[in-house]
């Protein structure tokens, strides 16, 4: 993923295929936290810690994590409001200083 230079990554997989787990791990690896959580490194012992490119990119990106699970309305117009709300929440969660 880091070697592809993509501006946007869309991760589509079938149901029950581990999308949330995979994307949560990517977010935790790449996202720069304003206040890192104390405790043990959840990636301790993983091979990503031995890859120079992965280590160089760790906690250096803003990751917009957006789930559309709550958008279940029957019309696109109503769903669009749900998408906007979720996008706004995700942006606030990034905590990027103005």
Protein backbone atom coordinates (compact mmCIF):
# COMPACT_ATOMS: atom_id res chain seq x y z
CA UNK A 1 0.00 0.00 0.00
CA UNK A 2 2.79 2.47 0.86
CA UNK A 3 4.64 1.65 -2.34
CA UNK A 4 1.67 2.49 -4.61
CA UNK A 5 1.55 6.30 -4.15
CA UNK A 6 -2.26 6.37 -4.29
CA UNK A 7 -4.02 9.53 -3.15
CA UNK A 8 -7.08 7.58 -2.02
CA UNK A 9 -7.41 3.97 -0.98
CA UNK A 10 -10.80 2.30 -1.32
CA UNK A 11 -10.92 -1.08 0.38
CA UNK A 12 -13.83 -3.16 -0.91
CA UNK A 13 -14.26 -6.77 0.14
CA UNK A 14 -17.21 -9.17 0.56
CA UNK A 15 -19.16 -9.30 3.81
CA UNK A 16 -17.47 -10.98 6.78
CA UNK A 17 -14.06 -10.67 5.10
CA UNK A 18 -12.17 -8.66 7.73
CA UNK A 19 -12.45 -5.15 6.26
CA UNK A 20 -12.90 -3.45 9.61
CA UNK A 21 -10.02 -5.32 11.23
CA UNK A 22 -7.68 -4.61 8.31
CA UNK A 23 -8.56 -0.94 8.06
CA UNK A 24 -8.38 -0.45 11.82
CA UNK A 25 -4.85 -1.84 11.83
CA UNK A 26 -3.87 0.39 8.88
CA UNK A 27 -5.34 3.40 10.69
CA UNK A 28 -3.52 2.57 13.92
CA UNK A 29 -0.21 2.16 12.06
CA UNK A 30 -0.40 5.29 9.89
CA UNK A 31 -2.45 7.80 11.88
CA UNK A 32 -0.60 10.40 13.90
CA UNK A 33 -2.34 10.69 17.25
CA UNK A 34 -2.46 14.02 19.05
CA UNK A 35 -1.91 12.19 22.34
CA UNK A 36 -0.57 8.65 21.93
CA UNK A 37 -2.11 6.06 24.22
CA UNK A 38 0.22 4.85 26.95
CA UNK A 39 1.10 1.18 27.16
CA UNK A 40 2.62 -1.54 25.07
CA UNK A 41 3.07 -1.25 21.33
CA UNK A 42 0.31 -3.37 19.72
CA UNK A 43 2.63 -4.01 16.75
CA UNK A 44 5.50 -5.39 18.82
CA UNK A 45 6.92 -8.50 17.19
CA UNK A 46 5.29 -7.91 13.78
CA UNK A 47 7.26 -7.95 10.55
CA UNK A 48 6.17 -4.39 9.66
CA UNK A 49 8.63 -3.16 12.29
CA UNK A 50 11.47 -4.61 10.19
CA UNK A 51 10.45 -2.85 6.96
CA UNK A 52 12.17 0.54 6.54
CA UNK A 53 9.37 2.09 4.46
CA UNK A 54 6.69 0.96 6.92
CA UNK A 55 8.60 2.27 9.92
CA UNK A 56 9.33 5.58 8.15
CA UNK A 57 5.60 6.09 7.51
CA UNK A 58 4.37 5.02 10.92
CA UNK A 59 2.19 7.68 12.58
CA UNK A 60 2.86 10.22 9.82
CA UNK A 61 -0.49 10.41 8.01
CA UNK A 62 -3.95 11.70 8.70
CA UNK A 63 -6.30 8.77 8.11
CA UNK A 64 -9.95 9.52 7.42
CA UNK A 65 -11.83 6.44 8.61
CA UNK A 66 -15.35 6.51 7.24
CA UNK A 67 -17.99 3.83 7.72
CA UNK A 68 -21.29 3.93 5.87
CA UNK A 69 -22.95 1.20 7.93
CA UNK A 70 -25.44 3.70 9.36
CA UNK A 71 -26.64 4.84 5.91
CA UNK A 72 -29.59 2.53 5.32
CA UNK A 73 -32.28 4.88 4.02
CA UNK A 74 -34.31 3.95 0.97
CA UNK A 75 -33.41 7.04 -1.08
CA UNK A 76 -30.11 8.53 -2.18
CA UNK A 77 -31.10 12.01 -0.94
CA UNK A 78 -31.66 10.76 2.62
CA UNK A 79 -28.49 8.64 2.50
CA UNK A 80 -26.52 11.66 1.30
CA UNK A 81 -27.34 13.43 4.57
CA UNK A 82 -26.09 10.36 6.45
CA UNK A 83 -22.88 10.34 4.42
CA UNK A 84 -22.35 14.04 5.15
CA UNK A 85 -22.89 13.47 8.88
CA UNK A 86 -20.46 10.54 8.95
CA UNK A 87 -17.87 12.49 6.96
CA UNK A 88 -18.17 15.42 9.33
CA UNK A 89 -17.73 13.14 12.38
CA UNK A 90 -14.73 11.44 10.78
CA UNK A 91 -13.12 14.80 10.01
CA UNK A 92 -13.61 15.99 13.59
CA UNK A 93 -12.10 12.71 14.83
CA UNK A 94 -8.90 13.48 12.90
CA UNK A 95 -8.25 16.42 15.27
CA UNK A 96 -6.20 18.31 12.69
CA UNK A 97 -5.28 21.78 13.95
CA UNK A 98 -6.60 24.65 11.81
